[in-house]
PDB file of N, CA and C in Angstrom:
ATOM      1  N   UNK A   1     -86.969  21.052  -9.079  1.00  0.00           N
ATOM      2  CA  UNK A   1     -87.564  22.164  -8.370  1.00  0.00           C
ATOM      3  C   UNK A   1     -87.076  23.502  -8.888  1.00  0.00           C
ATOM      4  N   UNK A   2     -85.792  23.594  -9.267  1.00  0.00           N
ATOM      5  CA  UNK A   2     -85.229  24.832  -9.778  1.00  0.00           C
ATOM      6  C   UNK A   2     -84.790  24.618 -11.212  1.00  0.00           C
ATOM      7  N   UNK A   3     -85.265  25.490 -12.084  1.00  0.00           N
ATOM      8  CA  UNK A   3     -84.979  25.348 -13.506  1.00  0.00           C
ATOM      9  C   UNK A   3     -83.514  25.558 -13.844  1.00  0.00           C
ATOM     10  N   UNK A   4     -82.867  26.468 -13.169  1.00  0.00           N
ATOM     11  CA  UNK A   4     -81.486  26.814 -13.511  1.00  0.00           C
ATOM     12  C   UNK A   4     -80.461  26.150 -12.595  1.00  0.00           C
ATOM     13  N   UNK A   5     -80.839  25.115 -11.891  1.00  0.00           N
ATOM     14  CA  UNK A   5     -79.949  24.301 -11.063  1.00  0.00           C
ATOM     15  C   UNK A   5     -79.337  25.033  -9.876  1.00  0.00           C
ATOM     16  N   UNK A   6     -79.861  26.186  -9.521  1.00  0.00           N
ATOM     17  CA  UNK A   6     -79.368  26.880  -8.328  1.00  0.00           C
ATOM     18  C   UNK A   6     -80.045  26.267  -7.113  1.00  0.00           C
ATOM     19  N   UNK A   7     -79.272  26.091  -6.053  1.00  0.00           N
ATOM     20  CA  UNK A   7     -79.792  25.542  -4.810  1.00  0.00           C
ATOM     21  C   UNK A   7     -80.076  26.679  -3.831  1.00  0.00           C
ATOM     22  N   UNK A   8     -81.121  26.539  -3.052  1.00  0.00           N
ATOM     23  CA  UNK A   8     -81.385  27.582  -2.055  1.00  0.00           C
ATOM     24  C   UNK A   8     -80.302  27.597  -0.985  1.00  0.00           C
ATOM     25  N   UNK A   9     -79.989  28.774  -0.510  1.00  0.00           N
ATOM     26  CA  UNK A   9     -78.989  28.939   0.537  1.00  0.00           C
ATOM     27  C   UNK A   9     -79.735  29.012   1.865  1.00  0.00           C
ATOM     28  N   UNK A  10     -79.513  28.031   2.711  1.00  0.00           N
ATOM     29  CA  UNK A  10     -80.180  27.994   4.005  1.00  0.00           C
ATOM     30  C   UNK A  10     -79.403  28.881   4.967  1.00  0.00           C
ATOM     31  N   UNK A  11     -80.134  29.803   5.588  1.00  0.00           N
ATOM     32  CA  UNK A  11     -79.502  30.711   6.536  1.00  0.00           C
ATOM     33  C   UNK A  11     -79.078  29.936   7.776  1.00  0.00           C
ATOM     34  N   UNK A  12     -77.835  30.086   8.145  1.00  0.00           N
ATOM     35  CA  UNK A  12     -77.329  29.487   9.381  1.00  0.00           C
ATOM     36  C   UNK A  12     -76.942  30.633  10.314  1.00  0.00           C
ATOM     37  N   UNK A  13     -77.393  30.547  11.529  1.00  0.00           N
ATOM     38  CA  UNK A  13     -77.086  31.576  12.509  1.00  0.00           C
ATOM     39  C   UNK A  13     -75.832  31.178  13.271  1.00  0.00           C
ATOM     40  N   UNK A  14     -74.870  32.084  13.311  1.00  0.00           N
ATOM     41  CA  UNK A  14     -73.621  31.793  14.002  1.00  0.00           C
ATOM     42  C   UNK A  14     -73.844  31.816  15.511  1.00  0.00           C
ATOM     43  N   UNK A  15     -72.916  31.211  16.207  1.00  0.00           N
ATOM     44  CA  UNK A  15     -72.973  31.218  17.669  1.00  0.00           C
ATOM     45  C   UNK A  15     -72.928  32.657  18.185  1.00  0.00           C
ATOM     46  N   UNK A  16     -72.167  33.503  17.506  1.00  0.00           N
ATOM     47  CA  UNK A  16     -72.073  34.910  17.899  1.00  0.00           C
ATOM     48  C   UNK A  16     -73.447  35.584  17.788  1.00  0.00           C
ATOM     49  N   UNK A  17     -74.180  35.302  16.701  1.00  0.00           N
ATOM     50  CA  UNK A  17     -75.513  35.879  16.523  1.00  0.00           C
ATOM     51  C   UNK A  17     -76.460  35.386  17.606  1.00  0.00           C
ATOM     52  N   UNK A  18     -76.422  34.083  17.880  1.00  0.00           N
ATOM     53  CA  UNK A  18     -77.278  33.513  18.925  1.00  0.00           C
ATOM     54  C   UNK A  18     -76.952  34.109  20.294  1.00  0.00           C
ATOM     55  N   UNK A  19     -75.669  34.261  20.607  1.00  0.00           N
ATOM     56  CA  UNK A  19     -75.269  34.833  21.894  1.00  0.00           C
ATOM     57  C   UNK A  19     -75.687  36.299  22.008  1.00  0.00           C
ATOM     58  N   UNK A  20     -75.521  37.058  20.935  1.00  0.00           N
ATOM     59  CA  UNK A  20     -75.934  38.465  20.954  1.00  0.00           C
ATOM     60  C   UNK A  20     -77.445  38.569  21.146  1.00  0.00           C
ATOM     61  N   UNK A  21     -78.200  37.688  20.500  1.00  0.00           N
ATOM     62  CA  UNK A  21     -79.659  37.700  20.651  1.00  0.00           C
ATOM     63  C   UNK A  21     -80.066  37.334  22.068  1.00  0.00           C
ATOM     64  N   UNK A  22     -79.408  36.330  22.642  1.00  0.00           N
ATOM     65  CA  UNK A  22     -79.726  35.934  24.032  1.00  0.00           C
ATOM     66  C   UNK A  22     -79.421  37.091  24.985  1.00  0.00           C
ATOM     67  N   UNK A  23     -78.278  37.745  24.817  1.00  0.00           N
ATOM     68  CA  UNK A  23     -77.925  38.869  25.672  1.00  0.00           C
ATOM     69  C   UNK A  23     -78.923  40.006  25.505  1.00  0.00           C
ATOM     70  N   UNK A  24     -79.295  40.287  24.284  1.00  0.00           N
ATOM     71  CA  UNK A  24     -80.280  41.335  24.010  1.00  0.00           C
ATOM     72  C   UNK A  24     -81.596  41.008  24.718  1.00  0.00           C
ATOM     73  N   UNK A  25     -82.026  39.769  24.615  1.00  0.00           N
ATOM     74  CA  UNK A  25     -83.256  39.318  25.275  1.00  0.00           C
ATOM     75  C   UNK A  25     -83.151  39.488  26.788  1.00  0.00           C
ATOM     76  N   UNK A  26     -82.058  39.035  27.374  1.00  0.00           N
ATOM     77  CA  UNK A  26     -81.892  39.133  28.824  1.00  0.00           C
ATOM     78  C   UNK A  26     -81.848  40.579  29.305  1.00  0.00           C
ATOM     79  N   UNK A  27     -81.168  41.424  28.562  1.00  0.00           N
ATOM     80  CA  UNK A  27     -81.094  42.836  28.949  1.00  0.00           C
ATOM     81  C   UNK A  27     -82.465  43.504  28.894  1.00  0.00           C
ATOM     82  N   UNK A  28     -83.234  43.165  27.875  1.00  0.00           N
ATOM     83  CA  UNK A  28     -84.565  43.765  27.762  1.00  0.00           C
ATOM     84  C   UNK A  28     -85.533  43.190  28.783  1.00  0.00           C
ATOM     85  N   UNK A  29     -85.498  41.884  28.985  1.00  0.00           N
ATOM     86  CA  UNK A  29     -86.463  41.248  29.878  1.00  0.00           C
ATOM     87  C   UNK A  29     -86.078  41.380  31.346  1.00  0.00           C
ATOM     88  N   UNK A  30     -84.865  41.017  31.680  1.00  0.00           N
ATOM     89  CA  UNK A  30     -84.453  40.978  33.085  1.00  0.00           C
ATOM     90  C   UNK A  30     -84.045  42.346  33.626  1.00  0.00           C
ATOM     91  N   UNK A  31     -83.393  43.144  32.789  1.00  0.00           N
ATOM     92  CA  UNK A  31     -82.903  44.442  33.250  1.00  0.00           C
ATOM     93  C   UNK A  31     -83.784  45.601  32.790  1.00  0.00           C
ATOM     94  N   UNK A  32     -84.772  45.292  31.949  1.00  0.00           N
ATOM     95  CA  UNK A  32     -85.699  46.281  31.413  1.00  0.00           C
ATOM     96  C   UNK A  32     -84.983  47.427  30.700  1.00  0.00           C
ATOM     97  N   UNK A  33     -83.959  47.082  29.952  1.00  0.00           N
ATOM     98  CA  UNK A  33     -83.217  48.070  29.166  1.00  0.00           C
ATOM     99  C   UNK A  33     -83.829  48.091  27.766  1.00  0.00           C
ATOM    100  N   UNK A  34     -84.359  49.234  27.379  1.00  0.00           N
ATOM    101  CA  UNK A  34     -85.023  49.356  26.083  1.00  0.00           C
ATOM    102  C   UNK A  34     -84.048  49.265  24.910  1.00  0.00           C
ATOM    103  N   UNK A  35     -82.896  49.902  25.051  1.00  0.00           N
ATOM    104  CA  UNK A  35     -81.927  49.959  23.956  1.00  0.00           C
ATOM    105  C   UNK A  35     -80.600  49.347  24.428  1.00  0.00           C
ATOM    106  N   UNK A  36     -80.465  48.017  24.334  1.00  0.00           N
ATOM    107  CA  UNK A  36     -79.293  47.341  24.896  1.00  0.00           C
ATOM    108  C   UNK A  36     -78.094  47.254  23.957  1.00  0.00           C
ATOM    109  N   UNK A  37     -78.136  47.918  22.809  1.00  0.00           N
ATOM    110  CA  UNK A  37     -77.118  47.691  21.784  1.00  0.00           C
ATOM    111  C   UNK A  37     -75.708  48.056  22.220  1.00  0.00           C
ATOM    112  N   UNK A  38     -75.540  49.111  23.012  1.00  0.00           N
ATOM    113  CA  UNK A  38     -74.187  49.466  23.477  1.00  0.00           C
ATOM    114  C   UNK A  38     -73.614  48.368  24.371  1.00  0.00           C
ATOM    115  N   UNK A  39     -74.454  47.824  25.237  1.00  0.00           N
ATOM    116  CA  UNK A  39     -73.998  46.759  26.129  1.00  0.00           C
ATOM    117  C   UNK A  39     -73.680  45.500  25.329  1.00  0.00           C
ATOM    118  N   UNK A  40     -74.502  45.194  24.333  1.00  0.00           N
ATOM    119  CA  UNK A  40     -74.246  44.030  23.479  1.00  0.00           C
ATOM    120  C   UNK A  40     -72.922  44.226  22.750  1.00  0.00           C
ATOM    121  N   UNK A  41     -72.678  45.423  22.231  1.00  0.00           N
ATOM    122  CA  UNK A  41     -71.431  45.698  21.508  1.00  0.00           C
ATOM    123  C   UNK A  41     -70.207  45.524  22.415  1.00  0.00           C
ATOM    124  N   UNK A  42     -70.279  46.067  23.616  1.00  0.00           N
ATOM    125  CA  UNK A  42     -69.157  45.948  24.556  1.00  0.00           C
ATOM    126  C   UNK A  42     -68.959  44.486  24.955  1.00  0.00           C
ATOM    127  N   UNK A  43     -70.052  43.782  25.156  1.00  0.00           N
ATOM    128  CA  UNK A  43     -69.964  42.365  25.512  1.00  0.00           C
ATOM    129  C   UNK A  43     -69.301  41.558  24.402  1.00  0.00           C
ATOM    130  N   UNK A  44     -69.669  41.844  23.156  1.00  0.00           N
ATOM    131  CA  UNK A  44     -69.022  41.152  22.035  1.00  0.00           C
ATOM    132  C   UNK A  44     -67.526  41.451  22.008  1.00  0.00           C
ATOM    133  N   UNK A  45     -67.172  42.689  22.299  1.00  0.00           N
ATOM    134  CA  UNK A  45     -65.749  43.048  22.343  1.00  0.00           C
ATOM    135  C   UNK A  45     -65.022  42.200  23.382  1.00  0.00           C
ATOM    136  N   UNK A  46     -65.628  42.078  24.549  1.00  0.00           N
ATOM    137  CA  UNK A  46     -64.972  41.365  25.649  1.00  0.00           C
ATOM    138  C   UNK A  46     -64.924  39.864  25.423  1.00  0.00           C
ATOM    139  N   UNK A  47     -66.034  39.291  25.009  1.00  0.00           N
ATOM    140  CA  UNK A  47     -66.120  37.837  24.932  1.00  0.00           C
ATOM    141  C   UNK A  47     -65.676  37.249  23.603  1.00  0.00           C
ATOM    142  N   UNK A  48     -65.757  38.038  22.557  1.00  0.00           N
ATOM    143  CA  UNK A  48     -65.361  37.545  21.237  1.00  0.00           C
ATOM    144  C   UNK A  48     -64.002  38.111  20.809  1.00  0.00           C
ATOM    145  N   UNK A  49     -63.435  38.926  21.682  1.00  0.00           N
ATOM    146  CA  UNK A  49     -62.140  39.557  21.409  1.00  0.00           C
ATOM    147  C   UNK A  49     -62.172  40.362  20.101  1.00  0.00           C
ATOM    148  N   UNK A  50     -63.226  41.150  19.966  1.00  0.00           N
ATOM    149  CA  UNK A  50     -63.382  41.997  18.789  1.00  0.00           C
ATOM    150  C   UNK A  50     -63.007  43.434  19.133  1.00  0.00           C
ATOM    151  N   UNK A  51     -62.565  44.154  18.131  1.00  0.00           N
ATOM    152  CA  UNK A  51     -62.374  45.589  18.259  1.00  0.00           C
ATOM    153  C   UNK A  51     -63.769  46.220  18.270  1.00  0.00           C
ATOM    154  N   UNK A  52     -63.908  47.371  18.882  1.00  0.00           N
ATOM    155  CA  UNK A  52     -65.210  48.037  18.968  1.00  0.00           C
ATOM    156  C   UNK A  52     -65.843  48.226  17.596  1.00  0.00           C
ATOM    157  N   UNK A  53     -65.053  48.630  16.627  1.00  0.00           N
ATOM    158  CA  UNK A  53     -65.579  48.837  15.268  1.00  0.00           C
ATOM    159  C   UNK A  53     -66.117  47.524  14.697  1.00  0.00           C
ATOM    160  N   UNK A  54     -65.390  46.438  14.878  1.00  0.00           N
ATOM    161  CA  UNK A  54     -65.840  45.138  14.370  1.00  0.00           C
ATOM    162  C   UNK A  54     -67.134  44.697  15.056  1.00  0.00           C
ATOM    163  N   UNK A  55     -67.222  44.975  16.339  1.00  0.00           N
ATOM    164  CA  UNK A  55     -68.417  44.609  17.089  1.00  0.00           C
ATOM    165  C   UNK A  55     -69.641  45.347  16.551  1.00  0.00           C
ATOM    166  N   UNK A  56     -69.518  46.645  16.335  1.00  0.00           N
ATOM    167  CA  UNK A  56     -70.638  47.426  15.800  1.00  0.00           C
ATOM    168  C   UNK A  56     -70.968  47.025  14.365  1.00  0.00           C
ATOM    169  N   UNK A  57     -69.954  46.722  13.575  1.00  0.00           N
ATOM    170  CA  UNK A  57     -70.216  46.256  12.203  1.00  0.00           C
ATOM    171  C   UNK A  57     -70.999  44.952  12.222  1.00  0.00           C
ATOM    172  N   UNK A  58     -70.632  44.058  13.133  1.00  0.00           N
ATOM    173  CA  UNK A  58     -71.354  42.796  13.251  1.00  0.00           C
ATOM    174  C   UNK A  58     -72.806  43.054  13.642  1.00  0.00           C
ATOM    175  N   UNK A  59     -73.016  43.886  14.659  1.00  0.00           N
ATOM    176  CA  UNK A  59     -74.374  44.176  15.110  1.00  0.00           C
ATOM    177  C   UNK A  59     -75.196  44.807  14.000  1.00  0.00           C
ATOM    178  N   UNK A  60     -74.654  45.791  13.331  1.00  0.00           N
ATOM    179  CA  UNK A  60     -75.418  46.477  12.282  1.00  0.00           C
ATOM    180  C   UNK A  60     -75.706  45.565  11.097  1.00  0.00           C
ATOM    181  N   UNK A  61     -74.783  44.684  10.788  1.00  0.00           N
ATOM    182  CA  UNK A  61     -74.976  43.753   9.685  1.00  0.00           C
ATOM    183  C   UNK A  61     -76.003  42.684  10.019  1.00  0.00           C
ATOM    184  N   UNK A  62     -76.049  42.270  11.273  1.00  0.00           N
ATOM    185  CA  UNK A  62     -76.909  41.158  11.688  1.00  0.00           C
ATOM    186  C   UNK A  62     -78.065  41.584  12.595  1.00  0.00           C
ATOM    187  N   UNK A  63     -78.362  42.871  12.644  1.00  0.00           N
ATOM    188  CA  UNK A  63     -79.361  43.379  13.585  1.00  0.00           C
ATOM    189  C   UNK A  63     -80.730  42.714  13.403  1.00  0.00           C
ATOM    190  N   UNK A  64     -81.166  42.550  12.178  1.00  0.00           N
ATOM    191  CA  UNK A  64     -82.473  41.926  11.933  1.00  0.00           C
ATOM    192  C   UNK A  64     -82.494  40.502  12.460  1.00  0.00           C
ATOM    193  N   UNK A  65     -81.450  39.732  12.173  1.00  0.00           N
ATOM    194  CA  UNK A  65     -81.376  38.357  12.675  1.00  0.00           C
ATOM    195  C   UNK A  65     -81.344  38.334  14.197  1.00  0.00           C
ATOM    196  N   UNK A  66     -80.555  39.220  14.795  1.00  0.00           N
ATOM    197  CA  UNK A  66     -80.454  39.274  16.249  1.00  0.00           C
ATOM    198  C   UNK A  66     -81.820  39.591  16.852  1.00  0.00           C
ATOM    199  N   UNK A  67     -82.524  40.556  16.283  1.00  0.00           N
ATOM    200  CA  UNK A  67     -83.846  40.916  16.798  1.00  0.00           C
ATOM    201  C   UNK A  67     -84.850  39.785  16.611  1.00  0.00           C
ATOM    202  N   UNK A  68     -84.804  39.102  15.459  1.00  0.00           N
ATOM    203  CA  UNK A  68     -85.708  37.969  15.232  1.00  0.00           C
ATOM    204  C   UNK A  68     -85.472  36.863  16.259  1.00  0.00           C
ATOM    205  N   UNK A  69     -84.213  36.550  16.505  1.00  0.00           N
ATOM    206  CA  UNK A  69     -83.887  35.494  17.462  1.00  0.00           C
ATOM    207  C   UNK A  69     -84.185  35.944  18.882  1.00  0.00           C
ATOM    208  N   UNK A  70     -83.967  37.218  19.173  1.00  0.00           N
ATOM    209  CA  UNK A  70     -84.292  37.757  20.494  1.00  0.00           C
ATOM    210  C   UNK A  70     -85.782  37.599  20.773  1.00  0.00           C
ATOM    211  N   UNK A  71     -86.631  37.888  19.786  1.00  0.00           N
ATOM    212  CA  UNK A  71     -88.073  37.697  19.958  1.00  0.00           C
ATOM    213  C   UNK A  71     -88.416  36.217  20.120  1.00  0.00           C
ATOM    214  N   UNK A  72     -87.661  35.369  19.452  1.00  0.00           N
ATOM    215  CA  UNK A  72     -87.858  33.931  19.584  1.00  0.00           C
ATOM    216  C   UNK A  72     -87.540  33.471  21.011  1.00  0.00           C
ATOM    217  N   UNK A  73     -86.470  34.010  21.599  1.00  0.00           N
ATOM    218  CA  UNK A  73     -86.152  33.705  23.000  1.00  0.00           C
ATOM    219  C   UNK A  73     -87.313  34.107  23.903  1.00  0.00           C
ATOM    220  N   UNK A  74     -87.950  35.244  23.592  1.00  0.00           N
ATOM    221  CA  UNK A  74     -89.055  35.729  24.419  1.00  0.00           C
ATOM    222  C   UNK A  74     -90.254  34.791  24.395  1.00  0.00           C
ATOM    223  N   UNK A  75     -90.574  34.266  23.233  1.00  0.00           N
ATOM    224  CA  UNK A  75     -91.820  33.499  23.134  1.00  0.00           C
ATOM    225  C   UNK A  75     -91.650  31.991  23.279  1.00  0.00           C
ATOM    226  N   UNK A  76     -90.444  31.469  23.156  1.00  0.00           N
ATOM    227  CA  UNK A  76     -90.232  30.024  23.271  1.00  0.00           C
ATOM    228  C   UNK A  76     -90.267  29.603  24.735  1.00  0.00           C
ATOM    229  N   UNK A  77     -91.012  28.560  25.010  1.00  0.00           N
ATOM    230  CA  UNK A  77     -91.128  28.055  26.374  1.00  0.00           C
ATOM    231  C   UNK A  77     -90.295  26.804  26.617  1.00  0.00           C
ATOM    232  N   UNK A  78     -89.628  26.322  25.580  1.00  0.00           N
ATOM    233  CA  UNK A  78     -88.808  25.122  25.722  1.00  0.00           C
ATOM    234  C   UNK A  78     -87.740  25.134  24.637  1.00  0.00           C
ATOM    235  N   UNK A  79     -86.698  24.328  24.811  1.00  0.00           N
ATOM    236  CA  UNK A  79     -85.676  24.228  23.760  1.00  0.00           C
ATOM    237  C   UNK A  79     -86.276  23.756  22.423  1.00  0.00           C
ATOM    238  N   UNK A  80     -87.282  22.898  22.499  1.00  0.00           N
ATOM    239  CA  UNK A  80     -87.916  22.398  21.273  1.00  0.00           C
ATOM    240  C   UNK A  80     -88.640  23.523  20.541  1.00  0.00           C
ATOM    241  N   UNK A  81     -89.356  24.360  21.295  1.00  0.00           N
ATOM    242  CA  UNK A  81     -90.035  25.504  20.684  1.00  0.00           C
ATOM    243  C   UNK A  81     -89.020  26.462  20.068  1.00  0.00           C
ATOM    244  N   UNK A  82     -87.888  26.657  20.745  1.00  0.00           N
ATOM    245  CA  UNK A  82     -86.854  27.537  20.208  1.00  0.00           C
ATOM    246  C   UNK A  82     -86.300  26.960  18.911  1.00  0.00           C
ATOM    247  N   UNK A  83     -85.999  25.658  18.899  1.00  0.00           N
ATOM    248  CA  UNK A  83     -85.489  25.003  17.695  1.00  0.00           C
ATOM    249  C   UNK A  83     -86.496  25.128  16.553  1.00  0.00           C
ATOM    250  N   UNK A  84     -87.766  24.866  16.843  1.00  0.00           N
ATOM    251  CA  UNK A  84     -88.807  24.981  15.825  1.00  0.00           C
ATOM    252  C   UNK A  84     -88.908  26.410  15.294  1.00  0.00           C
ATOM    253  N   UNK A  85     -88.751  27.378  16.193  1.00  0.00           N
ATOM    254  CA  UNK A  85     -88.775  28.777  15.773  1.00  0.00           C
ATOM    255  C   UNK A  85     -87.612  29.124  14.866  1.00  0.00           C
ATOM    256  N   UNK A  86     -86.420  28.580  15.165  1.00  0.00           N
ATOM    257  CA  UNK A  86     -85.261  28.806  14.280  1.00  0.00           C
ATOM    258  C   UNK A  86     -85.519  28.213  12.903  1.00  0.00           C
ATOM    259  N   UNK A  87     -86.125  27.041  12.869  1.00  0.00           N
ATOM    260  CA  UNK A  87     -86.458  26.413  11.589  1.00  0.00           C
ATOM    261  C   UNK A  87     -87.433  27.289  10.813  1.00  0.00           C
ATOM    262  N   UNK A  88     -88.428  27.847  11.501  1.00  0.00           N
ATOM    263  CA  UNK A  88     -89.384  28.743  10.845  1.00  0.00           C
ATOM    264  C   UNK A  88     -88.682  29.971  10.279  1.00  0.00           C
ATOM    265  N   UNK A  89     -87.736  30.548  11.041  1.00  0.00           N
ATOM    266  CA  UNK A  89     -86.990  31.711  10.553  1.00  0.00           C
ATOM    267  C   UNK A  89     -86.211  31.357   9.286  1.00  0.00           C
ATOM    268  N   UNK A  90     -85.588  30.183   9.283  1.00  0.00           N
ATOM    269  CA  UNK A  90     -84.828  29.747   8.113  1.00  0.00           C
ATOM    270  C   UNK A  90     -85.749  29.534   6.914  1.00  0.00           C
ATOM    271  N   UNK A  91     -86.911  28.928   7.163  1.00  0.00           N
ATOM    272  CA  UNK A  91     -87.868  28.702   6.071  1.00  0.00           C
ATOM    273  C   UNK A  91     -88.380  30.022   5.510  1.00  0.00           C
ATOM    274  N   UNK A  92     -88.643  30.973   6.400  1.00  0.00           N
ATOM    275  CA  UNK A  92     -89.106  32.291   5.950  1.00  0.00           C
ATOM    276  C   UNK A  92     -88.040  32.958   5.076  1.00  0.00           C
ATOM    277  N   UNK A  93     -86.778  32.825   5.474  1.00  0.00           N
ATOM    278  CA  UNK A  93     -85.687  33.396   4.682  1.00  0.00           C
ATOM    279  C   UNK A  93     -85.612  32.729   3.307  1.00  0.00           C
ATOM    280  N   UNK A  94     -85.777  31.404   3.261  1.00  0.00           N
ATOM    281  CA  UNK A  94     -85.768  30.693   1.976  1.00  0.00           C
ATOM    282  C   UNK A  94     -86.919  31.149   1.085  1.00  0.00           C
ATOM    283  N   UNK A  95     -88.084  31.342   1.675  1.00  0.00           N
ATOM    284  CA  UNK A  95     -89.232  31.812   0.897  1.00  0.00           C
ATOM    285  C   UNK A  95     -88.962  33.193   0.315  1.00  0.00           C
ATOM    286  N   UNK A  96     -88.336  34.072   1.101  1.00  0.00           N
ATOM    287  CA  UNK A  96     -87.981  35.399   0.592  1.00  0.00           C
ATOM    288  C   UNK A  96     -86.976  35.297  -0.558  1.00  0.00           C
ATOM    289  N   UNK A  97     -85.999  34.409  -0.405  1.00  0.00           N
ATOM    290  CA  UNK A  97     -85.013  34.218  -1.457  1.00  0.00           C
ATOM    291  C   UNK A  97     -85.674  33.740  -2.746  1.00  0.00           C
ATOM    292  N   UNK A  98     -86.597  32.796  -2.600  1.00  0.00           N
ATOM    293  CA  UNK A  98     -87.314  32.277  -3.765  1.00  0.00           C
ATOM    294  C   UNK A  98     -88.133  33.361  -4.431  1.00  0.00           C
ATOM    295  N   UNK A  99     -88.802  34.180  -3.628  1.00  0.00           N
ATOM    296  CA  UNK A  99     -89.641  35.261  -4.168  1.00  0.00           C
ATOM    297  C   UNK A  99     -88.815  36.297  -4.912  1.00  0.00           C
ATOM    298  N   UNK A 100     -87.613  36.568  -4.416  1.00  0.00           N
ATOM    299  CA  UNK A 100     -86.733  37.558  -5.053  1.00  0.00           C
ATOM    300  C   UNK A 100     -85.860  36.956  -6.142  1.00  0.00           C
ATOM    301  N   UNK A 101     -85.777  35.648  -6.156  1.00  0.00           N
ATOM    302  CA  UNK A 101     -84.889  34.996  -7.117  1.00  0.00           C
ATOM    303  C   UNK A 101     -83.439  35.095  -6.720  1.00  0.00           C
ATOM    304  N   UNK A 102     -83.163  35.263  -5.439  1.00  0.00           N
ATOM    305  CA  UNK A 102     -81.798  35.426  -4.933  1.00  0.00           C
ATOM    306  C   UNK A 102     -81.215  34.094  -4.488  1.00  0.00           C
ATOM    307  N   UNK A 103     -81.090  33.165  -5.362  1.00  0.00           N
ATOM    308  CA  UNK A 103     -80.503  31.879  -5.011  1.00  0.00           C
ATOM    309  C   UNK A 103     -79.157  31.774  -5.678  1.00  0.00           C
ATOM    310  N   UNK A 104     -78.211  31.186  -4.959  1.00  0.00           N
ATOM    311  CA  UNK A 104     -76.847  31.042  -5.497  1.00  0.00           C
ATOM    312  C   UNK A 104     -76.666  29.682  -6.095  1.00  0.00           C
TER     313      UNK A 104
END
């Protein structure tokens, strides 16, 4: 499949990313907070024992993934749909890697 023997890197979402996305989803849906990032950052500090700077660095580095998973929480009606959506996100990332030639 690959001429130069490089294998595609499958994106794995950390528990921290999944938790931040779930919190973001809950804040937007249940509390109707449009911009929940400060609350997510403080929550990461408290629950992950991160310094504020580390929490913001994590959010800024993973913001796209967090938002993608947050939208997945919104539209999934079952754990199976959520799992299937995560698989789709991973496949989309692999397709982008293939298109850019960014395989390790």
